[in-house]
Amino acid sequence: MSQTLNSAKLGNFITSFTELIDSNPSEVNVLTNGVGILQDLVAADDWLPEEYARPHPQYYQQFLLHLDPQERFSVVSFVWGPGQITPIHNHTVWGLIGMLRGAEYSQSYALTPQGTLQADGEPIKLEPGKVEAVSPYIGDIHQVRNAFDDKVSVSIHVYGANIGKVSRSVLYEDGTKKDFVSGYSTITNK
């Protein structure tokens, strides 16, 4: 049985995050203070309706959960089918990623002085209740994959814009890039 998207937990999160953004904080303050707000939301996996956690057999899904009326931030659920992986990509805006269910690996990349990409450190494993930040200032290029080949993982992302409309890039190891706009996945009734 599906719950409504307007769960009390999501509503409380949206209220708290809106209050943070209304205070006109610096990006550092958004990332620092937003971590705790998102950790509260992903602390228990009992609020996300099934249709916002449904995987696709071929590619990961990005479902819009909330869009600030002024498009100052958006909240999405990322649903990772078994073994699914993103290309190396950037965001161009700040973001917070909170793990709700399962686990994912995030491998950061950095541009070399020659303009090529190389892995930057070891992959980070994000597990339920944990939050990671990205931004052009602290590191914005990464590749993410479901940590499991046999089950679904779900993470909740908060971005400093309407991420479905932001022009971003897939980056290749030789330094070339391809621009894209992600949009959002469509809820299907099953």
N, C-alpha and C. Protein backbone atom coordinates (compact mmCIF):
# COMPACT_ATOMS: atom_id res chain seq x y z
N MET A 1 0.84 -1.18 0.00
CA MET A 1 0.00 0.00 0.00
C MET A 1 0.88 1.24 0.00
N SER A 2 0.60 2.16 -0.88
CA SER A 2 1.42 3.36 -1.02
C SER A 2 1.04 4.42 0.00
N GLN A 3 2.03 5.10 0.52
CA GLN A 3 1.80 6.26 1.36
C GLN A 3 1.71 7.47 0.44
N THR A 4 1.23 8.58 0.96
CA THR A 4 1.24 9.80 0.15
C THR A 4 2.62 10.42 0.21
N LEU A 5 2.96 11.17 -0.83
CA LEU A 5 4.26 11.82 -0.85
C LEU A 5 4.35 12.89 0.23
N ASN A 6 3.25 13.40 0.67
CA ASN A 6 3.25 14.45 1.70
C ASN A 6 3.34 13.86 3.10
N SER A 7 4.29 12.96 3.31
CA SER A 7 4.48 12.39 4.64
C SER A 7 4.96 13.46 5.60
N ALA A 8 4.71 13.24 6.87
CA ALA A 8 5.12 14.21 7.89
C ALA A 8 6.64 14.37 7.90
N LYS A 9 7.38 13.27 7.72
CA LYS A 9 8.84 13.36 7.74
C LYS A 9 9.36 14.21 6.59
N LEU A 10 8.85 13.98 5.39
CA LEU A 10 9.27 14.79 4.26
C LEU A 10 8.85 16.24 4.46
N GLY A 11 7.65 16.45 4.96
CA GLY A 11 7.17 17.82 5.22
C GLY A 11 8.05 18.55 6.22
N ASN A 12 8.42 17.88 7.30
CA ASN A 12 9.32 18.49 8.29
C ASN A 12 10.67 18.82 7.68
N PHE A 13 11.17 17.91 6.84
CA PHE A 13 12.44 18.16 6.16
C PHE A 13 12.34 19.40 5.28
N ILE A 14 11.30 19.48 4.47
CA ILE A 14 11.13 20.62 3.57
C ILE A 14 11.02 21.92 4.35
N THR A 15 10.27 21.92 5.46
CA THR A 15 10.16 23.11 6.30
C THR A 15 11.52 23.53 6.84
N SER A 16 12.26 22.58 7.39
CA SER A 16 13.58 22.89 7.96
C SER A 16 14.56 23.37 6.90
N PHE A 17 14.53 22.72 5.73
CA PHE A 17 15.48 23.11 4.69
C PHE A 17 15.10 24.47 4.10
N THR A 18 13.81 24.74 3.98
CA THR A 18 13.37 26.06 3.50
C THR A 18 13.81 27.15 4.47
N GLU A 19 13.68 26.90 5.77
CA GLU A 19 14.13 27.87 6.77
C GLU A 19 15.63 28.12 6.64
N LEU A 20 16.40 27.07 6.40
CA LEU A 20 17.85 27.23 6.19
C LEU A 20 18.10 28.12 4.97
N ILE A 21 17.46 27.83 3.86
CA ILE A 21 17.68 28.60 2.63
C ILE A 21 17.17 30.03 2.79
N ASP A 22 16.05 30.22 3.50
CA ASP A 22 15.52 31.56 3.73
C ASP A 22 16.49 32.45 4.49
N SER A 23 17.41 31.86 5.26
CA SER A 23 18.38 32.65 6.03
C SER A 23 19.51 33.18 5.16
N ASN A 24 19.45 32.89 3.85
CA ASN A 24 20.44 33.35 2.87
C ASN A 24 21.87 32.97 3.29
N PRO A 25 22.08 31.70 3.57
CA PRO A 25 23.40 31.26 4.05
C PRO A 25 24.42 31.17 2.92
N SER A 26 25.68 31.17 3.31
CA SER A 26 26.74 30.88 2.34
C SER A 26 26.63 29.41 1.96
N GLU A 27 27.29 29.04 0.87
CA GLU A 27 27.28 27.64 0.46
C GLU A 27 27.87 26.75 1.55
N VAL A 28 28.92 27.20 2.19
CA VAL A 28 29.53 26.43 3.27
C VAL A 28 28.51 26.16 4.37
N ASN A 29 27.72 27.17 4.72
CA ASN A 29 26.71 26.99 5.76
C ASN A 29 25.58 26.06 5.31
N VAL A 30 25.20 26.16 4.04
CA VAL A 30 24.17 25.24 3.53
C VAL A 30 24.67 23.81 3.66
N LEU A 31 25.89 23.55 3.20
CA LEU A 31 26.43 22.19 3.25
C LEU A 31 26.62 21.72 4.69
N THR A 32 27.12 22.59 5.54
CA THR A 32 27.37 22.21 6.94
C THR A 32 26.06 21.96 7.69
N ASN A 33 25.13 22.89 7.62
CA ASN A 33 23.88 22.76 8.36
C ASN A 33 22.88 21.83 7.68
N GLY A 34 22.95 21.74 6.35
CA GLY A 34 22.04 20.87 5.63
C GLY A 34 22.30 19.40 5.87
N VAL A 35 23.54 19.03 6.19
CA VAL A 35 23.88 17.63 6.45
C VAL A 35 23.00 17.07 7.57
N GLY A 36 22.90 17.80 8.67
CA GLY A 36 22.11 17.32 9.81
C GLY A 36 20.63 17.22 9.48
N ILE A 37 20.12 18.17 8.71
CA ILE A 37 18.71 18.14 8.32
C ILE A 37 18.43 16.91 7.45
N LEU A 38 19.32 16.64 6.50
CA LEU A 38 19.14 15.47 5.63
C LEU A 38 19.35 14.17 6.41
N GLN A 39 20.30 14.17 7.35
CA GLN A 39 20.50 12.96 8.17
C GLN A 39 19.24 12.61 8.94
N ASP A 40 18.53 13.62 9.43
CA ASP A 40 17.27 13.35 10.13
C ASP A 40 16.26 12.67 9.20
N LEU A 41 16.22 13.10 7.94
CA LEU A 41 15.26 12.51 6.99
C LEU A 41 15.61 11.07 6.65
N VAL A 42 16.89 10.78 6.45
CA VAL A 42 17.30 9.43 6.03
C VAL A 42 17.62 8.50 7.21
N ALA A 43 17.36 8.96 8.42
CA ALA A 43 17.65 8.14 9.61
C ALA A 43 16.78 6.89 9.68
N ALA A 44 15.58 6.96 9.11
CA ALA A 44 14.68 5.80 9.11
C ALA A 44 14.06 5.67 7.72
N ASP A 45 13.98 4.46 7.25
CA ASP A 45 13.44 4.17 5.92
C ASP A 45 11.97 3.75 6.05
N ASP A 46 11.13 4.71 6.43
CA ASP A 46 9.71 4.39 6.65
C ASP A 46 8.77 5.45 6.09
N TRP A 47 9.26 6.29 5.20
CA TRP A 47 8.43 7.41 4.75
C TRP A 47 8.29 7.54 3.23
N LEU A 48 9.17 6.94 2.46
CA LEU A 48 9.17 7.14 1.01
C LEU A 48 8.16 6.19 0.36
N PRO A 49 7.17 6.74 -0.37
CA PRO A 49 6.21 5.87 -1.05
C PRO A 49 6.89 4.96 -2.08
N GLU A 50 6.33 3.78 -2.25
CA GLU A 50 6.90 2.76 -3.12
C GLU A 50 7.16 3.27 -4.54
N GLU A 51 6.23 4.06 -5.07
CA GLU A 51 6.39 4.50 -6.46
C GLU A 51 7.60 5.43 -6.66
N TYR A 52 8.13 6.01 -5.59
CA TYR A 52 9.31 6.86 -5.66
C TYR A 52 10.59 6.08 -5.35
N ALA A 53 10.45 4.77 -5.23
CA ALA A 53 11.60 3.90 -4.95
C ALA A 53 11.62 2.71 -5.91
N ARG A 54 10.89 2.83 -7.01
CA ARG A 54 10.78 1.73 -7.96
C ARG A 54 11.92 1.80 -8.98
N PRO A 55 12.69 0.74 -9.12
CA PRO A 55 13.81 0.76 -10.08
C PRO A 55 13.34 0.52 -11.51
N HIS A 56 14.19 0.91 -12.42
CA HIS A 56 14.01 0.59 -13.84
C HIS A 56 15.03 -0.51 -14.15
N PRO A 57 14.70 -1.46 -15.01
CA PRO A 57 15.64 -2.56 -15.25
C PRO A 57 16.92 -2.16 -15.98
N GLN A 58 16.94 -1.01 -16.67
CA GLN A 58 18.11 -0.64 -17.46
C GLN A 58 18.90 0.54 -16.92
N TYR A 59 18.25 1.48 -16.26
CA TYR A 59 18.96 2.69 -15.83
C TYR A 59 18.39 3.21 -14.51
N TYR A 60 19.21 3.99 -13.82
CA TYR A 60 18.77 4.54 -12.54
C TYR A 60 17.66 5.57 -12.78
N GLN A 61 16.85 5.77 -11.75
CA GLN A 61 15.73 6.70 -11.82
C GLN A 61 16.01 7.91 -10.93
N GLN A 62 15.45 9.06 -11.31
CA GLN A 62 15.56 10.29 -10.53
C GLN A 62 14.15 10.88 -10.41
N PHE A 63 13.51 10.66 -9.25
CA PHE A 63 12.14 11.13 -9.04
C PHE A 63 12.12 12.42 -8.24
N LEU A 64 11.41 13.41 -8.72
CA LEU A 64 11.28 14.68 -8.01
C LEU A 64 10.35 14.50 -6.82
N LEU A 65 10.84 14.82 -5.63
CA LEU A 65 10.04 14.77 -4.41
C LEU A 65 9.54 16.15 -4.02
N HIS A 66 10.35 17.18 -4.26
CA HIS A 66 9.97 18.55 -3.92
C HIS A 66 10.82 19.52 -4.73
N LEU A 67 10.16 20.57 -5.20
CA LEU A 67 10.86 21.68 -5.86
C LEU A 67 10.45 22.96 -5.14
N ASP A 68 11.42 23.65 -4.58
CA ASP A 68 11.18 24.93 -3.95
C ASP A 68 10.50 25.85 -4.97
N PRO A 69 9.45 26.57 -4.59
CA PRO A 69 8.73 27.42 -5.56
C PRO A 69 9.63 28.42 -6.29
N GLN A 70 10.72 28.83 -5.65
CA GLN A 70 11.65 29.76 -6.29
C GLN A 70 12.83 29.02 -6.94
N GLU A 71 12.76 27.69 -6.95
CA GLU A 71 13.79 26.82 -7.52
C GLU A 71 15.17 27.02 -6.88
N ARG A 72 15.16 27.35 -5.58
CA ARG A 72 16.42 27.51 -4.85
C ARG A 72 17.00 26.15 -4.47
N PHE A 73 16.14 25.13 -4.36
CA PHE A 73 16.61 23.77 -4.10
C PHE A 73 15.56 22.77 -4.59
N SER A 74 16.03 21.57 -4.87
CA SER A 74 15.15 20.47 -5.25
C SER A 74 15.54 19.24 -4.46
N VAL A 75 14.56 18.36 -4.26
CA VAL A 75 14.78 17.13 -3.50
C VAL A 75 14.34 15.98 -4.41
N VAL A 76 15.21 15.01 -4.60
CA VAL A 76 14.90 13.89 -5.48
C VAL A 76 15.29 12.57 -4.81
N SER A 77 14.59 11.51 -5.20
CA SER A 77 15.02 10.17 -4.80
C SER A 77 15.71 9.56 -6.01
N PHE A 78 16.91 9.03 -5.78
CA PHE A 78 17.64 8.29 -6.81
C PHE A 78 17.46 6.82 -6.50
N VAL A 79 17.00 6.09 -7.49
CA VAL A 79 16.73 4.67 -7.32
C VAL A 79 17.69 3.90 -8.22
N TRP A 80 18.50 3.08 -7.59
CA TRP A 80 19.53 2.32 -8.27
C TRP A 80 19.12 0.86 -8.36
N GLY A 81 18.90 0.37 -9.56
CA GLY A 81 18.67 -1.06 -9.74
C GLY A 81 19.98 -1.80 -9.50
N PRO A 82 19.92 -3.11 -9.38
CA PRO A 82 21.14 -3.90 -9.14
C PRO A 82 22.24 -3.59 -10.17
N GLY A 83 23.43 -3.25 -9.68
CA GLY A 83 24.59 -3.04 -10.53
C GLY A 83 24.59 -1.76 -11.36
N GLN A 84 23.59 -0.90 -11.22
CA GLN A 84 23.54 0.30 -12.07
C GLN A 84 24.59 1.33 -11.66
N ILE A 85 25.05 2.09 -12.66
CA ILE A 85 26.16 3.03 -12.48
C ILE A 85 25.92 4.26 -13.36
N THR A 86 26.36 5.41 -12.87
CA THR A 86 26.28 6.64 -13.66
C THR A 86 27.54 6.78 -14.51
N PRO A 87 27.49 7.60 -15.53
CA PRO A 87 28.75 8.02 -16.15
C PRO A 87 29.45 8.99 -15.19
N ILE A 88 30.69 9.32 -15.45
CA ILE A 88 31.36 10.37 -14.69
C ILE A 88 30.65 11.67 -15.06
N HIS A 89 30.27 12.46 -14.05
CA HIS A 89 29.47 13.66 -14.32
C HIS A 89 29.73 14.73 -13.26
N ASN A 90 29.24 15.93 -13.56
CA ASN A 90 29.30 17.03 -12.60
C ASN A 90 27.88 17.47 -12.27
N HIS A 91 27.76 18.47 -11.38
CA HIS A 91 26.46 18.98 -10.96
C HIS A 91 26.32 20.47 -11.22
N THR A 92 27.39 21.23 -11.11
CA THR A 92 27.50 22.68 -11.27
C THR A 92 26.84 23.47 -10.15
N VAL A 93 26.18 22.80 -9.21
CA VAL A 93 25.56 23.43 -8.04
C VAL A 93 25.89 22.56 -6.83
N TRP A 94 25.68 23.11 -5.62
CA TRP A 94 25.91 22.30 -4.43
C TRP A 94 24.88 21.18 -4.35
N GLY A 95 25.26 20.12 -3.66
CA GLY A 95 24.35 19.00 -3.47
C GLY A 95 24.67 18.22 -2.21
N LEU A 96 23.65 17.63 -1.64
CA LEU A 96 23.79 16.73 -0.50
C LEU A 96 23.14 15.41 -0.88
N ILE A 97 23.81 14.31 -0.58
CA ILE A 97 23.32 12.98 -0.92
C ILE A 97 23.20 12.19 0.38
N GLY A 98 21.99 11.75 0.70
CA GLY A 98 21.75 10.98 1.90
C GLY A 98 21.29 9.58 1.54
N MET A 99 21.91 8.58 2.13
CA MET A 99 21.57 7.19 1.80
C MET A 99 20.39 6.75 2.63
N LEU A 100 19.34 6.29 1.95
CA LEU A 100 18.13 5.83 2.63
C LEU A 100 18.07 4.31 2.73
N ARG A 101 18.43 3.63 1.65
CA ARG A 101 18.25 2.17 1.57
C ARG A 101 19.37 1.58 0.74
N GLY A 102 19.93 0.46 1.16
CA GLY A 102 21.02 -0.17 0.42
C GLY A 102 22.32 0.58 0.63
N ALA A 103 23.10 0.74 -0.43
CA ALA A 103 24.37 1.47 -0.34
C ALA A 103 24.83 1.82 -1.75
N GLU A 104 25.69 2.83 -1.83
CA GLU A 104 26.28 3.21 -3.12
C GLU A 104 27.72 3.60 -2.91
N TYR A 105 28.49 3.48 -3.98
CA TYR A 105 29.87 3.94 -4.00
C TYR A 105 29.96 5.20 -4.84
N SER A 106 30.71 6.17 -4.35
CA SER A 106 30.96 7.39 -5.09
C SER A 106 32.47 7.53 -5.29
N GLN A 107 32.88 7.59 -6.54
CA GLN A 107 34.29 7.78 -6.87
C GLN A 107 34.47 9.21 -7.37
N SER A 108 35.23 10.00 -6.64
CA SER A 108 35.52 11.37 -7.06
C SER A 108 36.58 11.39 -8.14
N TYR A 109 36.49 12.39 -9.01
CA TYR A 109 37.48 12.61 -10.07
C TYR A 109 37.93 14.06 -10.03
N ALA A 110 39.14 14.29 -10.51
CA ALA A 110 39.68 15.64 -10.60
C ALA A 110 40.36 15.81 -11.96
N LEU A 111 40.36 17.03 -12.44
CA LEU A 111 41.07 17.33 -13.68
C LEU A 111 42.55 17.46 -13.39
N THR A 112 43.38 16.86 -14.22
CA THR A 112 44.83 16.98 -14.10
C THR A 112 45.27 18.29 -14.75
N PRO A 113 46.50 18.73 -14.52
CA PRO A 113 47.00 19.93 -15.22
C PRO A 113 46.95 19.79 -16.75
N GLN A 114 46.97 18.56 -17.24
CA GLN A 114 46.91 18.32 -18.69
C GLN A 114 45.47 18.33 -19.21
N GLY A 115 44.48 18.47 -18.30
CA GLY A 115 43.09 18.53 -18.72
C GLY A 115 42.39 17.19 -18.82
N THR A 116 43.03 16.13 -18.37
CA THR A 116 42.38 14.81 -18.37
C THR A 116 41.80 14.55 -16.97
N LEU A 117 40.99 13.52 -16.87
CA LEU A 117 40.41 13.15 -15.58
C LEU A 117 41.17 12.01 -14.96
N GLN A 118 41.28 12.05 -13.62
CA GLN A 118 41.84 10.92 -12.91
C GLN A 118 41.07 10.74 -11.61
N ALA A 119 41.00 9.51 -11.14
CA ALA A 119 40.34 9.23 -9.87
C ALA A 119 41.03 10.02 -8.77
N ASP A 120 40.23 10.57 -7.86
CA ASP A 120 40.73 11.40 -6.77
C ASP A 120 40.40 10.70 -5.45
N GLY A 121 41.35 9.89 -4.97
CA GLY A 121 41.13 9.15 -3.74
C GLY A 121 40.40 7.84 -3.98
N GLU A 122 40.09 7.19 -2.88
CA GLU A 122 39.37 5.91 -2.93
C GLU A 122 37.88 6.16 -3.01
N PRO A 123 37.11 5.21 -3.56
CA PRO A 123 35.65 5.36 -3.57
C PRO A 123 35.12 5.45 -2.13
N ILE A 124 34.09 6.24 -1.96
CA ILE A 124 33.42 6.38 -0.66
C ILE A 124 32.16 5.53 -0.69
N LYS A 125 31.98 4.69 0.33
CA LYS A 125 30.76 3.90 0.43
C LYS A 125 29.77 4.64 1.33
N LEU A 126 28.64 4.94 0.75
CA LEU A 126 27.58 5.63 1.48
C LEU A 126 26.55 4.59 1.91
N GLU A 127 26.31 4.51 3.22
CA GLU A 127 25.38 3.53 3.78
C GLU A 127 24.22 4.27 4.44
N PRO A 128 23.12 3.57 4.75
CA PRO A 128 21.94 4.23 5.29
C PRO A 128 22.24 5.17 6.45
N GLY A 129 21.64 6.37 6.37
CA GLY A 129 21.81 7.39 7.39
C GLY A 129 23.00 8.31 7.17
N LYS A 130 23.87 7.98 6.24
CA LYS A 130 25.06 8.79 5.98
C LYS A 130 24.78 9.81 4.87
N VAL A 131 25.49 10.94 4.94
CA VAL A 131 25.31 12.04 3.98
C VAL A 131 26.66 12.47 3.44
N GLU A 132 26.70 12.74 2.15
CA GLU A 132 27.90 13.24 1.47
C GLU A 132 27.55 14.54 0.76
N ALA A 133 28.51 15.45 0.62
CA ALA A 133 28.29 16.72 -0.07
C ALA A 133 29.12 16.80 -1.34
N VAL A 134 28.59 17.52 -2.32
CA VAL A 134 29.31 17.85 -3.55
C VAL A 134 29.06 19.32 -3.87
N SER A 135 30.02 19.94 -4.52
CA SER A 135 29.84 21.30 -5.03
C SER A 135 31.04 21.62 -5.89
N PRO A 136 30.90 22.62 -6.75
CA PRO A 136 32.06 23.02 -7.56
C PRO A 136 33.26 23.44 -6.72
N TYR A 137 33.03 23.84 -5.46
CA TYR A 137 34.12 24.32 -4.61
C TYR A 137 34.82 23.21 -3.83
N ILE A 138 34.10 22.14 -3.50
CA ILE A 138 34.72 21.07 -2.71
C ILE A 138 34.95 19.79 -3.51
N GLY A 139 34.47 19.75 -4.72
CA GLY A 139 34.59 18.58 -5.57
C GLY A 139 33.24 18.23 -6.16
N ASP A 140 33.15 18.32 -7.46
CA ASP A 140 31.85 18.23 -8.12
C ASP A 140 31.80 17.15 -9.19
N ILE A 141 32.89 16.45 -9.40
CA ILE A 141 32.93 15.45 -10.46
C ILE A 141 33.02 14.07 -9.81
N HIS A 142 32.06 13.21 -10.13
CA HIS A 142 32.12 11.86 -9.58
C HIS A 142 31.34 10.88 -10.44
N GLN A 143 31.51 9.62 -10.10
CA GLN A 143 30.77 8.52 -10.70
C GLN A 143 30.18 7.73 -9.54
N VAL A 144 28.91 7.38 -9.65
CA VAL A 144 28.21 6.70 -8.56
C VAL A 144 27.67 5.37 -9.07
N ARG A 145 27.74 4.37 -8.19
CA ARG A 145 27.17 3.07 -8.57
C ARG A 145 26.52 2.42 -7.36
N ASN A 146 25.51 1.62 -7.65
CA ASN A 146 24.88 0.81 -6.62
C ASN A 146 25.95 -0.14 -6.06
N ALA A 147 26.02 -0.23 -4.76
CA ALA A 147 27.01 -1.12 -4.14
C ALA A 147 26.63 -2.59 -4.26
N PHE A 148 25.41 -2.84 -4.73
CA PHE A 148 24.92 -4.22 -4.79
C PHE A 148 24.57 -4.63 -6.21
N ASP A 149 24.88 -5.87 -6.53
CA ASP A 149 24.50 -6.45 -7.82
C ASP A 149 23.20 -7.24 -7.74
N ASP A 150 22.63 -7.30 -6.54
CA ASP A 150 21.44 -8.15 -6.37
C ASP A 150 20.28 -7.47 -5.65
N LYS A 151 20.40 -6.16 -5.37
CA LYS A 151 19.27 -5.48 -4.74
C LYS A 151 19.27 -3.99 -5.07
N VAL A 152 18.15 -3.37 -4.82
CA VAL A 152 17.93 -1.95 -5.09
C VAL A 152 18.50 -1.10 -3.97
N SER A 153 19.04 0.06 -4.33
CA SER A 153 19.47 1.05 -3.35
C SER A 153 18.76 2.37 -3.66
N VAL A 154 18.49 3.16 -2.63
CA VAL A 154 17.79 4.43 -2.80
C VAL A 154 18.52 5.49 -1.99
N SER A 155 18.81 6.61 -2.63
CA SER A 155 19.41 7.76 -1.94
C SER A 155 18.54 8.99 -2.19
N ILE A 156 18.59 9.92 -1.24
CA ILE A 156 17.83 11.16 -1.33
C ILE A 156 18.83 12.29 -1.56
N HIS A 157 18.61 13.06 -2.62
CA HIS A 157 19.53 14.12 -3.02
C HIS A 157 18.84 15.48 -2.89
N VAL A 158 19.58 16.46 -2.41
CA VAL A 158 19.11 17.84 -2.33
C VAL A 158 20.11 18.67 -3.11
N TYR A 159 19.63 19.45 -4.07
CA TYR A 159 20.51 20.26 -4.92
C TYR A 159 20.13 21.73 -4.83
N GLY A 160 21.10 22.61 -5.04
CA GLY A 160 20.91 24.04 -4.95
C GLY A 160 20.33 24.66 -6.20
N ALA A 161 19.38 23.98 -6.82
CA ALA A 161 18.69 24.47 -8.03
C ALA A 161 17.65 23.41 -8.40
N ASN A 162 16.91 23.66 -9.46
CA ASN A 162 16.02 22.65 -10.03
C ASN A 162 16.91 21.74 -10.86
N ILE A 163 17.45 20.69 -10.24
CA ILE A 163 18.48 19.88 -10.88
C ILE A 163 18.01 19.25 -12.19
N GLY A 164 16.72 19.05 -12.35
CA GLY A 164 16.20 18.49 -13.59
C GLY A 164 16.31 19.42 -14.77
N LYS A 165 16.58 20.72 -14.52
CA LYS A 165 16.71 21.72 -15.58
C LYS A 165 18.13 22.27 -15.73
N VAL A 166 19.04 21.85 -14.87
CA VAL A 166 20.41 22.38 -14.88
C VAL A 166 21.22 21.72 -16.00
N SER A 167 21.91 22.54 -16.78
CA SER A 167 22.82 22.01 -17.80
C SER A 167 24.10 21.55 -17.10
N ARG A 168 24.39 20.25 -17.24
CA ARG A 168 25.55 19.64 -16.61
C ARG A 168 26.34 18.90 -17.67
N SER A 169 27.36 18.16 -17.25
CA SER A 169 28.20 17.46 -18.23
C SER A 169 28.54 16.06 -17.78
N VAL A 170 28.54 15.15 -18.76
CA VAL A 170 29.20 13.87 -18.62
C VAL A 170 30.64 14.14 -19.03
N LEU A 171 31.59 13.66 -18.23
CA LEU A 171 33.00 13.89 -18.52
C LEU A 171 33.68 12.56 -18.82
N TYR A 172 34.61 12.60 -19.74
CA TYR A 172 35.34 11.40 -20.14
C TYR A 172 36.78 11.53 -19.65
N GLU A 173 37.44 10.41 -19.50
CA GLU A 173 38.79 10.42 -18.92
C GLU A 173 39.79 11.22 -19.74
N ASP A 174 39.54 11.40 -21.04
CA ASP A 174 40.45 12.20 -21.86
C ASP A 174 40.19 13.70 -21.70
N GLY A 175 39.22 14.08 -20.85
CA GLY A 175 38.93 15.48 -20.59
C GLY A 175 37.80 16.05 -21.43
N THR A 176 37.33 15.31 -22.42
CA THR A 176 36.21 15.81 -23.21
C THR A 176 34.92 15.68 -22.40
N LYS A 177 33.90 16.42 -22.82
CA LYS A 177 32.64 16.37 -22.10
C LYS A 177 31.46 16.47 -23.05
N LYS A 178 30.33 16.02 -22.56
CA LYS A 178 29.08 16.08 -23.31
C LYS A 178 28.04 16.69 -22.38
N ASP A 179 27.42 17.78 -22.79
CA ASP A 179 26.43 18.44 -21.95
C ASP A 179 25.12 17.66 -21.95
N PHE A 180 24.40 17.74 -20.83
CA PHE A 180 23.09 17.11 -20.72
C PHE A 180 22.25 17.84 -19.69
N VAL A 181 20.94 17.65 -19.79
CA VAL A 181 19.98 18.09 -18.78
C VAL A 181 19.22 16.84 -18.38
N SER A 182 19.23 16.50 -17.11
CA SER A 182 18.73 15.19 -16.68
C SER A 182 17.23 15.03 -16.72
N GLY A 183 16.49 16.08 -16.44
CA GLY A 183 15.05 15.92 -16.30
C GLY A 183 14.75 15.04 -15.10
N TYR A 184 13.51 14.50 -15.08
CA TYR A 184 13.11 13.63 -13.97
C TYR A 184 12.43 12.38 -14.54
N SER A 185 12.48 11.32 -13.79
CA SER A 185 11.79 10.09 -14.17
C SER A 185 10.29 10.29 -13.92
N THR A 186 9.49 9.52 -14.64
CA THR A 186 8.04 9.59 -14.54
C THR A 186 7.53 8.45 -13.66
N ILE A 187 6.62 8.79 -12.77
CA ILE A 187 6.00 7.78 -11.92
C ILE A 187 5.08 6.93 -12.79
N THR A 188 5.21 5.62 -12.69
CA THR A 188 4.31 4.72 -13.41
C THR A 188 3.52 3.92 -12.39
N ASN A 189 2.30 3.61 -12.73
CA ASN A 189 1.47 2.78 -11.83
C ASN A 189 1.66 1.33 -12.19
N LYS A 190 2.05 0.54 -11.21
CA LYS A 190 2.24 -0.90 -11.42
C LYS A 190 1.46 -1.66 -10.40
